[in-house]
């Protein structure tokens, strides 16, 4: 079962690669009630929206690749240390507006936790280092506006 869970997770990552982008395959990796939690983005995705971030990253980083450094299987939990890599070639939608692509190379440290049920992903908690990603994109966090706020 542990090796099966690792194979399922590795296949799910494969469906989200820039040269593959198989959104249906990604969604089908989840249970019917499965959830994808983007922790720093404070957003959760279910159903057909499970593929929203896969599509978003593929548009922003058309050559997106997830370099898996460690895959640890603990029964029905799979913990992965990885980097999300690619070239910032597509716009990034933000609440403040669109960040235009710079062509910068992106290499984001990330930790992912998958909770499995019956051979599918029941819950996926994703922890990308958003501050590092934004800095690499040329849009570092704006501390000055917070410091100057009264």
Protein backbone atom coordinates (compact mmCIF):
# COMPACT_ATOMS: atom_id res chain seq x y z
CA UNK A 1 0.00 0.00 0.00
CA UNK A 2 2.81 2.46 0.87
CA UNK A 3 4.49 1.95 -2.52
CA UNK A 4 1.09 2.28 -4.20
CA UNK A 5 0.53 5.62 -2.47
CA UNK A 6 3.94 6.85 -3.63
CA UNK A 7 3.20 5.77 -7.22
CA UNK A 8 -0.18 7.53 -7.11
CA UNK A 9 1.43 10.77 -5.88
CA UNK A 10 4.26 10.60 -8.40
CA UNK A 11 1.69 10.11 -11.16
CA UNK A 12 -0.37 13.06 -9.88
CA UNK A 13 2.73 15.29 -10.04
CA UNK A 14 3.39 14.03 -13.57
CA UNK A 15 -0.09 15.17 -14.70
CA UNK A 16 0.77 18.74 -13.57
CA UNK A 17 4.10 19.01 -15.45
CA UNK A 18 4.33 21.80 -18.03
CA UNK A 19 4.96 19.37 -20.88
CA UNK A 20 1.92 17.26 -19.85
CA UNK A 21 -0.79 19.39 -18.13
CA UNK A 22 -3.41 16.66 -17.86
CA UNK A 23 -5.99 18.48 -15.72
CA UNK A 24 -8.50 15.61 -15.95
CA UNK A 25 -5.79 13.18 -14.79
CA UNK A 26 -4.94 15.48 -11.88
CA UNK A 27 -8.59 15.79 -10.81
CA UNK A 28 -9.11 12.03 -11.18
CA UNK A 29 -6.25 11.48 -8.66
CA UNK A 30 -8.61 12.80 -5.94
CA UNK A 31 -11.52 11.19 -4.15
CA UNK A 32 -14.94 12.51 -5.12
CA UNK A 33 -14.94 14.70 -1.97
CA UNK A 34 -11.21 15.48 -2.22
CA UNK A 35 -9.78 18.90 -1.38
CA UNK A 36 -6.63 20.78 -2.43
CA UNK A 37 -5.56 23.36 0.19
CA UNK A 38 -3.22 26.12 -0.98
CA UNK A 39 -2.04 27.05 2.51
CA UNK A 40 -0.23 30.40 1.90
CA UNK A 41 -2.95 31.44 -0.54
CA UNK A 42 -5.60 30.62 2.08
CA UNK A 43 -7.70 28.90 -0.59
CA UNK A 44 -9.26 25.46 -0.96
CA UNK A 45 -10.34 23.78 -4.18
CA UNK A 46 -12.84 20.96 -4.74
CA UNK A 47 -14.48 19.20 -7.66
CA UNK A 48 -13.72 20.72 -11.05
CA UNK A 49 -11.78 23.52 -9.31
CA UNK A 50 -9.11 21.02 -8.16
CA UNK A 51 -7.28 21.82 -11.40
CA UNK A 52 -7.38 25.63 -11.07
CA UNK A 53 -3.84 25.96 -9.68
CA UNK A 54 -2.46 23.37 -12.13
CA UNK A 55 -3.80 25.52 -14.97
CA UNK A 56 -2.65 28.75 -13.29
CA UNK A 57 0.92 27.53 -12.79
CA UNK A 58 1.08 26.14 -16.34
CA UNK A 59 0.04 29.54 -17.74
CA UNK A 60 2.46 31.43 -15.50
CA UNK A 61 5.34 28.94 -15.84
CA UNK A 62 4.72 27.05 -19.13
CA UNK A 63 7.77 24.84 -18.43
CA UNK A 64 6.71 24.15 -14.83
CA UNK A 65 8.44 21.18 -13.23
CA UNK A 66 8.27 19.81 -9.73
CA UNK A 67 11.64 18.50 -8.59
CA UNK A 68 10.93 15.91 -5.90
CA UNK A 69 13.74 15.78 -3.34
CA UNK A 70 12.19 13.48 -0.73
CA UNK A 71 9.02 11.40 -0.80
CA UNK A 72 8.13 9.95 2.60
CA UNK A 73 5.28 7.46 2.82
CA UNK A 74 3.78 6.88 6.27
CA UNK A 75 0.80 4.64 5.62
CA UNK A 76 -1.94 6.82 4.16
CA UNK A 77 0.11 10.02 4.47
CA UNK A 78 2.67 11.03 1.85
CA UNK A 79 4.98 13.96 2.69
CA UNK A 80 7.05 15.47 -0.13
CA UNK A 81 9.91 17.96 -0.04
CA UNK A 82 10.18 19.54 -3.49
CA UNK A 83 10.85 22.62 -5.55
CA UNK A 84 8.44 24.11 -8.09
CA UNK A 85 10.59 25.28 -10.97
CA UNK A 86 9.98 27.08 -14.23
CA UNK A 87 10.31 30.29 -16.21
CA UNK A 88 7.98 33.21 -15.45
CA UNK A 89 6.54 33.66 -18.96
CA UNK A 90 2.84 34.20 -18.29
CA UNK A 91 0.95 36.79 -16.24
CA UNK A 92 0.15 36.16 -12.59
CA UNK A 93 -3.27 37.24 -11.38
CA UNK A 94 -3.23 38.80 -7.90
CA UNK A 95 -5.86 40.58 -5.79
CA UNK A 96 -4.03 43.86 -6.55
CA UNK A 97 -3.82 43.27 -10.30
CA UNK A 98 -1.71 41.37 -12.80
CA UNK A 99 2.04 40.86 -12.38
CA UNK A 100 3.52 40.81 -15.87
CA UNK A 101 6.04 38.08 -16.73
CA UNK A 102 9.74 38.88 -16.51
CA UNK A 103 11.27 35.71 -17.93
CA UNK A 104 12.88 35.08 -14.53
CA UNK A 105 13.82 31.55 -13.54
CA UNK A 106 11.70 30.40 -10.59
CA UNK A 107 12.80 27.78 -8.03
CA UNK A 108 10.34 27.70 -5.12
CA UNK A 109 10.94 25.49 -2.06
CA UNK A 110 7.77 23.63 -1.17
CA UNK A 111 6.39 20.97 1.17
CA UNK A 112 3.33 18.93 0.20
CA UNK A 113 1.25 16.64 2.38
CA UNK A 114 -1.15 14.15 0.84
CA UNK A 115 -3.74 12.22 2.83
CA UNK A 116 -4.86 9.11 0.95
CA UNK A 117 -8.06 7.09 1.00
CA UNK A 118 -8.71 3.98 -1.10
CA UNK A 119 -5.95 4.76 -3.60
CA UNK A 120 -6.90 8.39 -4.13
CA UNK A 121 -5.98 11.77 -2.66
CA UNK A 122 -8.51 12.79 -0.03
CA UNK A 123 -6.67 15.96 1.05
CA UNK A 124 -3.66 17.75 -0.36
CA UNK A 125 -2.05 20.53 1.72
CA UNK A 126 0.49 22.53 -0.31
CA UNK A 127 3.02 24.86 1.38
CA UNK A 128 5.02 26.72 -1.30
CA UNK A 129 7.40 29.45 -0.10
CA UNK A 130 5.33 32.29 -1.55
CA UNK A 131 7.71 35.03 -0.37
CA UNK A 132 10.61 33.39 -2.26
CA UNK A 133 8.47 32.94 -5.37
CA UNK A 134 7.41 36.60 -5.40
CA UNK A 135 10.98 37.82 -4.86
CA UNK A 136 12.23 35.64 -7.73
CA UNK A 137 9.43 37.03 -9.94
CA UNK A 138 10.56 40.57 -9.19
CA UNK A 139 7.61 41.34 -6.91
CA UNK A 140 9.01 41.05 -3.36
CA UNK A 141 6.63 41.59 -0.44
CA UNK A 142 6.06 45.30 0.21
CA UNK A 143 7.05 45.75 3.85
CA UNK A 144 7.40 49.52 3.47
CA UNK A 145 3.65 50.04 3.02
CA UNK A 146 2.98 48.09 6.22
CA UNK A 147 5.70 49.94 8.16
CA UNK A 148 4.41 53.33 6.99
CA UNK A 149 0.77 52.51 7.75
CA UNK A 150 -0.67 54.50 10.64
